[in-house]
Amino acid sequence: MKILCVIPSRIGSTRLPRKPLLPIQGKPMIQWTYENASRCSLLSQVIVATDSLEIADCIHNIGGHAMMTDPHLPTGSERVASVAKEFRDMDIVINLQGDEPFIKPSMLETLVSPYLNGETPVMTTLGFPLDMNLKYHDKGAVKVILDQTGHAIYFSRSPIPCFRVPNESAPTYHHIGVYAFRYDFLMQYPTLSSTPLERSECLEQLRVIEHGHRIRVTLTNEKTLEINTKEEYDEAQSFQYVI
């Protein structure tokens, strides 16, 4: 099975300007993401998809691969698709966000495990148990709830589900923004129209659900540190990365 990993990385960021090039423990964030993804032996190739020559040069300078993409593409998955169309021999394509510097190879293996086990979902993603005390009400933490077959029912920045019955519990997972697509579905994704829930939550994966497709969620107990805020960036300077 041939697996391509594409890392979409934009230079523009409202909360953290020039985020991909910000140094973490001595090297740029995008370099961390690229190098850690490259440690996964299952991947046939790793490519950074970017609208910035600076980001491309950063990757080329470490001997990596980068491709330029249209800066007007609205979502990361559409940028991934624009690169993947040049690699038609791939079976699976991973969309790994550039602000996941501490992604572990084992997490990418978990992400694609349904395909390796003979399943053929159009798309997979990752989740781990949500810290209900710290993250349930945090709009920066995307939550996902599942059906009985391990497919996503809904993703939200709001606290889900609502625990109306006292002392009741239901599994809620913290979504990790990394996706694997069956190649043919990734080529279809850009043709799907943007949807109301996608626009409301600013979550591109909701487009898939709203168009009637299912997203398989694979679970991990490993936690990474996605960098979206100044606080998370500061935390990254002392984050202990263990493969």
C-alpha atoms as a PDB file:
ATOM      1  CA  MET A   1       0.000   0.000   0.000  1.00  0.00           C
ATOM      2  CA  LYS A   2       1.394   3.392  -1.012  1.00  0.00           C
ATOM      3  CA  ILE A   3       0.774   6.234   1.428  1.00  0.00           C
ATOM      4  CA  LEU A   4       1.515   9.888   0.727  1.00  0.00           C
ATOM      5  CA  CYS A   5       1.701  12.386   3.586  1.00  0.00           C
ATOM      6  CA  VAL A   6       1.081  16.020   2.661  1.00  0.00           C
ATOM      7  CA  ILE A   7       1.644  18.772   5.219  1.00  0.00           C
ATOM      8  CA  PRO A   8      -0.299  21.938   4.296  1.00  0.00           C
ATOM      9  CA  SER A   9       1.440  25.004   5.697  1.00  0.00           C
ATOM     10  CA  ARG A  10       0.393  28.635   5.191  1.00  0.00           C
ATOM     11  CA  ILE A  11       2.520  31.613   6.138  1.00  0.00           C
ATOM     12  CA  GLY A  12      -0.558  33.650   7.117  1.00  0.00           C
ATOM     13  CA  SER A  13      -1.902  33.244  10.640  1.00  0.00           C
ATOM     14  CA  THR A  14      -4.011  35.711  12.586  1.00  0.00           C
ATOM     15  CA  ARG A  15      -3.230  34.430  16.075  1.00  0.00           C
ATOM     16  CA  LEU A  16       0.447  33.576  15.557  1.00  0.00           C
ATOM     17  CA  PRO A  17       1.973  35.514  12.641  1.00  0.00           C
ATOM     18  CA  ARG A  18       4.371  33.454  10.484  1.00  0.00           C
ATOM     19  CA  LYS A  19       3.567  30.449  12.650  1.00  0.00           C
ATOM     20  CA  PRO A  20       5.241  27.688  10.574  1.00  0.00           C
ATOM     21  CA  LEU A  21       8.620  29.426  10.797  1.00  0.00           C
ATOM     22  CA  LEU A  22       8.501  30.202  14.516  1.00  0.00           C
ATOM     23  CA  PRO A  23      11.348  28.436  16.333  1.00  0.00           C
ATOM     24  CA  ILE A  24      10.570  25.639  18.769  1.00  0.00           C
ATOM     25  CA  GLN A  25      13.513  24.463  20.846  1.00  0.00           C
ATOM     26  CA  GLY A  26      15.915  25.722  18.190  1.00  0.00           C
ATOM     27  CA  LYS A  27      14.273  24.821  14.881  1.00  0.00           C
ATOM     28  CA  PRO A  28      11.222  25.995  12.886  1.00  0.00           C
ATOM     29  CA  MET A  29       7.850  24.474  13.680  1.00  0.00           C
ATOM     30  CA  ILE A  30       7.370  23.164  10.129  1.00  0.00           C
ATOM     31  CA  GLN A  31      10.728  21.388  10.302  1.00  0.00           C
ATOM     32  CA  TRP A  32       9.606  19.562  13.444  1.00  0.00           C
ATOM     33  CA  THR A  33       6.409  18.420  11.726  1.00  0.00           C
ATOM     34  CA  TYR A  34       8.181  17.311   8.553  1.00  0.00           C
ATOM     35  CA  GLU A  35      10.953  15.421  10.334  1.00  0.00           C
ATOM     36  CA  ASN A  36       8.614  13.637  12.738  1.00  0.00           C
ATOM     37  CA  ALA A  37       6.276  12.574   9.926  1.00  0.00           C
ATOM     38  CA  SER A  38       9.275  11.318   7.941  1.00  0.00           C
ATOM     39  CA  ARG A  39      10.101   8.946  10.800  1.00  0.00           C
ATOM     40  CA  CYS A  40       6.991   6.890   9.994  1.00  0.00           C
ATOM     41  CA  SER A  41       8.192   3.900   7.976  1.00  0.00           C
ATOM     42  CA  LEU A  42       4.742   3.310   6.451  1.00  0.00           C
ATOM     43  CA  LEU A  43       4.894   6.509   4.397  1.00  0.00           C
ATOM     44  CA  SER A  44       6.019   6.368   0.784  1.00  0.00           C
ATOM     45  CA  GLN A  45       6.656  10.110   0.618  1.00  0.00           C
ATOM     46  CA  VAL A  46       6.264  13.266   2.714  1.00  0.00           C
ATOM     47  CA  ILE A  47       5.683  16.657   1.061  1.00  0.00           C
ATOM     48  CA  VAL A  48       5.005  20.122   2.464  1.00  0.00           C
ATOM     49  CA  ALA A  49       2.297  22.001   0.513  1.00  0.00           C
ATOM     50  CA  THR A  50       2.773  25.731   0.945  1.00  0.00           C
ATOM     51  CA  ASP A  51       2.021  29.157  -0.477  1.00  0.00           C
ATOM     52  CA  SER A  52       5.299  30.544   0.901  1.00  0.00           C
ATOM     53  CA  LEU A  53       8.727  30.431  -0.710  1.00  0.00           C
ATOM     54  CA  GLU A  54      10.239  30.888   2.752  1.00  0.00           C
ATOM     55  CA  ILE A  55       8.559  27.724   4.021  1.00  0.00           C
ATOM     56  CA  ALA A  56       9.528  25.834   0.869  1.00  0.00           C
ATOM     57  CA  ASP A  57      13.143  26.968   1.243  1.00  0.00           C
ATOM     58  CA  CYS A  58      13.141  25.897   4.898  1.00  0.00           C
ATOM     59  CA  ILE A  59      12.158  22.362   3.874  1.00  0.00           C
ATOM     60  CA  HIS A  60      14.488  22.229   0.861  1.00  0.00           C
ATOM     61  CA  ASN A  61      17.394  23.336   3.065  1.00  0.00           C
ATOM     62  CA  ILE A  62      17.009  20.212   5.222  1.00  0.00           C
ATOM     63  CA  GLY A  63      16.814  17.980   2.146  1.00  0.00           C
ATOM     64  CA  GLY A  64      13.018  17.680   2.246  1.00  0.00           C
ATOM     65  CA  HIS A  65      10.303  17.990  -0.373  1.00  0.00           C
ATOM     66  CA  ALA A  66       7.919  20.926  -0.782  1.00  0.00           C
ATOM     67  CA  MET A  67       5.472  22.005  -3.473  1.00  0.00           C
ATOM     68  CA  MET A  68       3.873  25.395  -4.042  1.00  0.00           C
ATOM     69  CA  THR A  69       0.077  25.667  -3.900  1.00  0.00           C
ATOM     70  CA  ASP A  70      -2.499  28.305  -4.779  1.00  0.00           C
ATOM     71  CA  PRO A  71      -2.791  30.707  -1.799  1.00  0.00           C
ATOM     72  CA  HIS A  72      -6.519  31.087  -2.481  1.00  0.00           C
ATOM     73  CA  LEU A  73      -7.419  27.453  -1.779  1.00  0.00           C
ATOM     74  CA  PRO A  74      -9.807  27.672   1.198  1.00  0.00           C
ATOM     75  CA  THR A  75      -8.965  24.525   3.194  1.00  0.00           C
ATOM     76  CA  GLY A  76      -5.991  22.392   4.063  1.00  0.00           C
ATOM     77  CA  SER A  77      -7.575  19.337   2.451  1.00  0.00           C
ATOM     78  CA  GLU A  78      -7.975  21.200  -0.821  1.00  0.00           C
ATOM     79  CA  ARG A  79      -4.293  22.141  -0.713  1.00  0.00           C
ATOM     80  CA  VAL A  80      -3.482  18.496  -0.023  1.00  0.00           C
ATOM     81  CA  ALA A  81      -5.620  17.408  -2.975  1.00  0.00           C
ATOM     82  CA  SER A  82      -3.876  19.871  -5.283  1.00  0.00           C
ATOM     83  CA  VAL A  83      -0.553  18.188  -4.495  1.00  0.00           C
ATOM     84  CA  ALA A  84      -1.859  14.614  -4.423  1.00  0.00           C
ATOM     85  CA  LYS A  85      -3.260  14.832  -7.955  1.00  0.00           C
ATOM     86  CA  GLU A  86       0.364  14.662  -9.129  1.00  0.00           C
ATOM     87  CA  PHE A  87       0.776  11.281  -7.372  1.00  0.00           C
ATOM     88  CA  ARG A  88      -1.884   9.065  -8.892  1.00  0.00           C
ATOM     89  CA  ASP A  89      -0.146   5.857  -7.835  1.00  0.00           C
ATOM     90  CA  MET A  90      -0.922   6.511  -4.167  1.00  0.00           C
ATOM     91  CA  ASP A  91      -3.620   4.535  -2.358  1.00  0.00           C
ATOM     92  CA  ILE A  92      -3.949   6.694   0.767  1.00  0.00           C
ATOM     93  CA  VAL A  93      -3.156  10.362   1.360  1.00  0.00           C
ATOM     94  CA  ILE A  94      -2.589  11.838   4.823  1.00  0.00           C
ATOM     95  CA  ASN A  95      -3.355  15.470   5.584  1.00  0.00           C
ATOM     96  CA  LEU A  96      -1.066  16.370   8.497  1.00  0.00           C
ATOM     97  CA  GLN A  97      -1.415  19.946   9.717  1.00  0.00           C
ATOM     98  CA  GLY A  98       1.835  21.885   9.856  1.00  0.00           C
ATOM     99  CA  ASP A  99       1.098  23.015  13.417  1.00  0.00           C
ATOM    100  CA  GLU A 100       1.425  19.451  14.758  1.00  0.00           C
ATOM    101  CA  PRO A 101       5.182  19.564  15.443  1.00  0.00           C
ATOM    102  CA  PHE A 102       5.118  16.718  17.965  1.00  0.00           C
ATOM    103  CA  ILE A 103       3.194  14.154  15.908  1.00  0.00           C
ATOM    104  CA  LYS A 104       4.484  10.637  16.529  1.00  0.00           C
ATOM    105  CA  PRO A 105       5.027   7.965  13.862  1.00  0.00           C
ATOM    106  CA  SER A 106       2.901   5.592  15.941  1.00  0.00           C
ATOM    107  CA  MET A 107      -0.013   8.053  15.738  1.00  0.00           C
ATOM    108  CA  LEU A 108       0.172   8.066  11.936  1.00  0.00           C
ATOM    109  CA  GLU A 109       0.242   4.261  12.030  1.00  0.00           C
ATOM    110  CA  THR A 110      -2.931   4.298  14.136  1.00  0.00           C
ATOM    111  CA  LEU A 111      -4.516   6.754  11.706  1.00  0.00           C
ATOM    112  CA  VAL A 112      -4.083   4.421   8.708  1.00  0.00           C
ATOM    113  CA  SER A 113      -4.650   1.163  10.615  1.00  0.00           C
ATOM    114  CA  PRO A 114      -8.188   0.639   9.241  1.00  0.00           C
ATOM    115  CA  TYR A 115      -6.800   0.537   5.688  1.00  0.00           C
ATOM    116  CA  LEU A 116      -4.004  -1.817   6.703  1.00  0.00           C
ATOM    117  CA  ASN A 117      -6.629  -4.076   8.274  1.00  0.00           C
ATOM    118  CA  GLY A 118      -8.629  -4.316   5.060  1.00  0.00           C
ATOM    119  CA  GLU A 119     -11.244  -1.620   5.702  1.00  0.00           C
ATOM    120  CA  THR A 120     -11.975   0.968   3.008  1.00  0.00           C
ATOM    121  CA  PRO A 121     -13.341   4.106   4.720  1.00  0.00           C
ATOM    122  CA  VAL A 122     -13.360   7.256   2.616  1.00  0.00           C
ATOM    123  CA  MET A 123     -11.577   9.042   5.443  1.00  0.00           C
ATOM    124  CA  THR A 124     -10.093   8.463   8.901  1.00  0.00           C
ATOM    125  CA  THR A 125      -8.996  10.742  11.721  1.00  0.00           C
ATOM    126  CA  LEU A 126      -7.686  10.521  15.290  1.00  0.00           C
ATOM    127  CA  GLY A 127      -9.176  11.095  18.725  1.00  0.00           C
ATOM    128  CA  PHE A 128      -8.044  10.628  22.307  1.00  0.00           C
ATOM    129  CA  PRO A 129      -9.956  10.827  25.609  1.00  0.00           C
ATOM    130  CA  LEU A 130     -10.989  14.400  26.367  1.00  0.00           C
ATOM    131  CA  ASP A 131      -9.864  16.012  29.602  1.00  0.00           C
ATOM    132  CA  MET A 132     -13.374  16.876  30.778  1.00  0.00           C
ATOM    133  CA  ASN A 133     -12.157  19.213  33.528  1.00  0.00           C
ATOM    134  CA  LEU A 134      -9.877  21.347  31.362  1.00  0.00           C
ATOM    135  CA  LYS A 135     -11.101  21.013  27.766  1.00  0.00           C
ATOM    136  CA  TYR A 136     -14.858  20.307  27.752  1.00  0.00           C
ATOM    137  CA  HIS A 137     -15.763  24.015  27.664  1.00  0.00           C
ATOM    138  CA  ASP A 138     -12.667  25.111  25.718  1.00  0.00           C
ATOM    139  CA  LYS A 139     -13.647  26.274  22.215  1.00  0.00           C
ATOM    140  CA  GLY A 140     -10.061  25.759  21.114  1.00  0.00           C
ATOM    141  CA  ALA A 141     -10.395  22.022  21.753  1.00  0.00           C
ATOM    142  CA  VAL A 142     -12.424  20.289  19.041  1.00  0.00           C
ATOM    143  CA  LYS A 143     -14.586  17.486  20.408  1.00  0.00           C
ATOM    144  CA  VAL A 144     -15.859  14.451  18.531  1.00  0.00           C
ATOM    145  CA  ILE A 145     -18.550  11.954  19.508  1.00  0.00           C
ATOM    146  CA  LEU A 146     -18.869   8.547  17.860  1.00  0.00           C
ATOM    147  CA  ASP A 147     -21.482   6.019  16.889  1.00  0.00           C
ATOM    148  CA  GLN A 148     -21.260   2.378  17.950  1.00  0.00           C
ATOM    149  CA  THR A 149     -19.135   1.487  14.906  1.00  0.00           C
ATOM    150  CA  GLY A 150     -16.402   4.050  15.543  1.00  0.00           C
ATOM    151  CA  HIS A 151     -17.585   6.641  13.022  1.00  0.00           C
ATOM    152  CA  ALA A 152     -17.941  10.327  13.829  1.00  0.00           C
ATOM    153  CA  ILE A 153     -21.426  11.589  14.610  1.00  0.00           C
ATOM    154  CA  TYR A 154     -20.312  15.193  15.018  1.00  0.00           C
ATOM    155  CA  PHE A 155     -17.304  17.434  15.588  1.00  0.00           C
ATOM    156  CA  SER A 156     -17.729  20.663  17.534  1.00  0.00           C
ATOM    157  CA  ARG A 157     -15.903  23.453  19.308  1.00  0.00           C
ATOM    158  CA  SER A 158     -18.808  23.537  21.756  1.00  0.00           C
ATOM    159  CA  PRO A 159     -19.111  21.082  24.669  1.00  0.00           C
ATOM    160  CA  ILE A 160     -20.740  17.899  23.356  1.00  0.00           C
ATOM    161  CA  PRO A 161     -22.749  15.998  24.360  1.00  0.00           C
ATOM    162  CA  CYS A 162     -24.907  17.998  26.753  1.00  0.00           C
ATOM    163  CA  PHE A 163     -25.146  16.003  30.002  1.00  0.00           C
ATOM    164  CA  ARG A 164     -28.737  16.783  30.874  1.00  0.00           C
ATOM    165  CA  VAL A 165     -29.120  13.724  33.106  1.00  0.00           C
ATOM    166  CA  PRO A 166     -27.150  14.133  36.372  1.00  0.00           C
ATOM    167  CA  ASN A 167     -24.278  11.667  36.860  1.00  0.00           C
ATOM    168  CA  GLU A 168     -24.691  10.298  33.332  1.00  0.00           C
ATOM    169  CA  SER A 169     -21.596   9.832  31.208  1.00  0.00           C
ATOM    170  CA  ALA A 170     -20.801   9.269  27.546  1.00  0.00           C
ATOM    171  CA  PRO A 171     -17.429   9.016  25.790  1.00  0.00           C
ATOM    172  CA  THR A 172     -16.213  12.314  24.372  1.00  0.00           C
ATOM    173  CA  TYR A 173     -12.953  12.532  22.482  1.00  0.00           C
ATOM    174  CA  HIS A 174     -10.502  15.301  21.779  1.00  0.00           C
ATOM    175  CA  HIS A 175     -10.062  15.476  18.020  1.00  0.00           C
ATOM    176  CA  ILE A 176      -6.543  15.560  16.590  1.00  0.00           C
ATOM    177  CA  GLY A 177      -6.570  17.398  13.261  1.00  0.00           C
ATOM    178  CA  VAL A 178      -4.882  14.805  11.090  1.00  0.00           C
ATOM    179  CA  TYR A 179      -6.743  12.922   8.354  1.00  0.00           C
ATOM    180  CA  ALA A 180      -6.198  10.016   5.993  1.00  0.00           C
ATOM    181  CA  PHE A 181      -8.158   9.889   2.741  1.00  0.00           C
ATOM    182  CA  ARG A 182      -8.765   7.122   0.288  1.00  0.00           C
ATOM    183  CA  TYR A 183      -7.180   8.594  -2.841  1.00  0.00           C
ATOM    184  CA  ASP A 184     -10.338   8.577  -4.934  1.00  0.00           C
ATOM    185  CA  PHE A 185     -12.312  10.369  -2.222  1.00  0.00           C
ATOM    186  CA  LEU A 186      -9.644  13.032  -1.747  1.00  0.00           C
ATOM    187  CA  MET A 187      -9.955  13.821  -5.444  1.00  0.00           C
ATOM    188  CA  GLN A 188     -13.712  14.174  -4.890  1.00  0.00           C
ATOM    189  CA  TYR A 189     -13.421  16.377  -1.786  1.00  0.00           C
ATOM    190  CA  PRO A 190     -12.734  19.684  -3.607  1.00  0.00           C
ATOM    191  CA  THR A 191     -15.890  19.165  -5.696  1.00  0.00           C
ATOM    192  CA  LEU A 192     -18.087  19.019  -2.577  1.00  0.00           C
ATOM    193  CA  SER A 193     -19.716  22.359  -1.895  1.00  0.00           C
ATOM    194  CA  SER A 194     -18.986  24.147   1.368  1.00  0.00           C
ATOM    195  CA  THR A 195     -21.672  23.438   3.974  1.00  0.00           C
ATOM    196  CA  PRO A 196     -23.456  25.390   6.752  1.00  0.00           C
ATOM    197  CA  LEU A 197     -22.020  23.485   9.715  1.00  0.00           C
ATOM    198  CA  GLU A 198     -18.536  23.549   8.201  1.00  0.00           C
ATOM    199  CA  ARG A 199     -18.731  27.331   7.891  1.00  0.00           C
ATOM    200  CA  SER A 200     -20.304  27.804  11.322  1.00  0.00           C
ATOM    201  CA  GLU A 201     -17.723  25.756  13.210  1.00  0.00           C
ATOM    202  CA  CYS A 202     -14.795  26.444  10.822  1.00  0.00           C
ATOM    203  CA  LEU A 203     -14.179  22.683  10.691  1.00  0.00           C
ATOM    204  CA  GLU A 204     -13.528  21.354   7.187  1.00  0.00           C
ATOM    205  CA  GLN A 205     -14.284  17.727   8.141  1.00  0.00           C
ATOM    206  CA  LEU A 206     -17.948  18.606   8.717  1.00  0.00           C
ATOM    207  CA  ARG A 207     -18.307  19.081   4.958  1.00  0.00           C
ATOM    208  CA  VAL A 208     -17.752  15.332   4.584  1.00  0.00           C
ATOM    209  CA  ILE A 209     -20.463  14.418   7.102  1.00  0.00           C
ATOM    210  CA  GLU A 210     -22.942  16.980   5.759  1.00  0.00           C
ATOM    211  CA  HIS A 211     -22.594  15.453   2.294  1.00  0.00           C
ATOM    212  CA  GLY A 212     -23.523  12.047   3.701  1.00  0.00           C
ATOM    213  CA  HIS A 213     -20.114  10.379   4.025  1.00  0.00           C
ATOM    214  CA  ARG A 214     -18.693   8.708   7.124  1.00  0.00           C
ATOM    215  CA  ILE A 215     -15.415   9.431   8.895  1.00  0.00           C
ATOM    216  CA  ARG A 216     -13.804   6.553  10.756  1.00  0.00           C
ATOM    217  CA  VAL A 217     -12.217   7.717  14.026  1.00  0.00           C
ATOM    218  CA  THR A 218      -9.276   5.716  15.324  1.00  0.00           C
ATOM    219  CA  LEU A 219      -8.420   6.180  18.988  1.00  0.00           C
ATOM    220  CA  THR A 220      -5.084   6.751  20.648  1.00  0.00           C
ATOM    221  CA  ASN A 221      -3.954   7.390  24.205  1.00  0.00           C
ATOM    222  CA  GLU A 222      -0.998   9.393  22.947  1.00  0.00           C
ATOM    223  CA  LYS A 223      -1.304  13.138  23.104  1.00  0.00           C
ATOM    224  CA  THR A 224       0.389  15.714  20.930  1.00  0.00           C
ATOM    225  CA  LEU A 225       0.522  19.500  21.263  1.00  0.00           C
ATOM    226  CA  GLU A 226      -1.103  21.440  18.439  1.00  0.00           C
ATOM    227  CA  ILE A 227       0.113  25.035  18.261  1.00  0.00           C
ATOM    228  CA  ASN A 228      -2.683  27.561  17.801  1.00  0.00           C
ATOM    229  CA  THR A 229      -2.129  30.112  20.560  1.00  0.00           C
ATOM    230  CA  LYS A 230       0.719  32.025  22.173  1.00  0.00           C
ATOM    231  CA  GLU A 231       0.208  29.939  25.319  1.00  0.00           C
ATOM    232  CA  GLU A 232       0.580  26.674  23.370  1.00  0.00           C
ATOM    233  CA  TYR A 233       3.647  28.047  21.588  1.00  0.00           C
ATOM    234  CA  ASP A 234       5.218  28.918  24.926  1.00  0.00           C
ATOM    235  CA  GLU A 235       4.372  25.448  26.241  1.00  0.00           C
ATOM    236  CA  ALA A 236       6.076  23.898  23.200  1.00  0.00           C
ATOM    237  CA  GLN A 237       9.431  25.334  24.236  1.00  0.00           C
ATOM    238  CA  SER A 238       9.609  22.849  27.094  1.00  0.00           C
ATOM    239  CA  PHE A 239       7.487  20.028  25.627  1.00  0.00           C
ATOM    240  CA  GLN A 240       9.175  16.647  26.040  1.00  0.00           C
ATOM    241  CA  TYR A 241       8.883  14.782  22.740  1.00  0.00           C
ATOM    242  CA  VAL A 242       9.289  11.021  23.026  1.00  0.00           C
ATOM    243  CA  ILE A 243       8.898   8.820  19.935  1.00  0.00           C
END
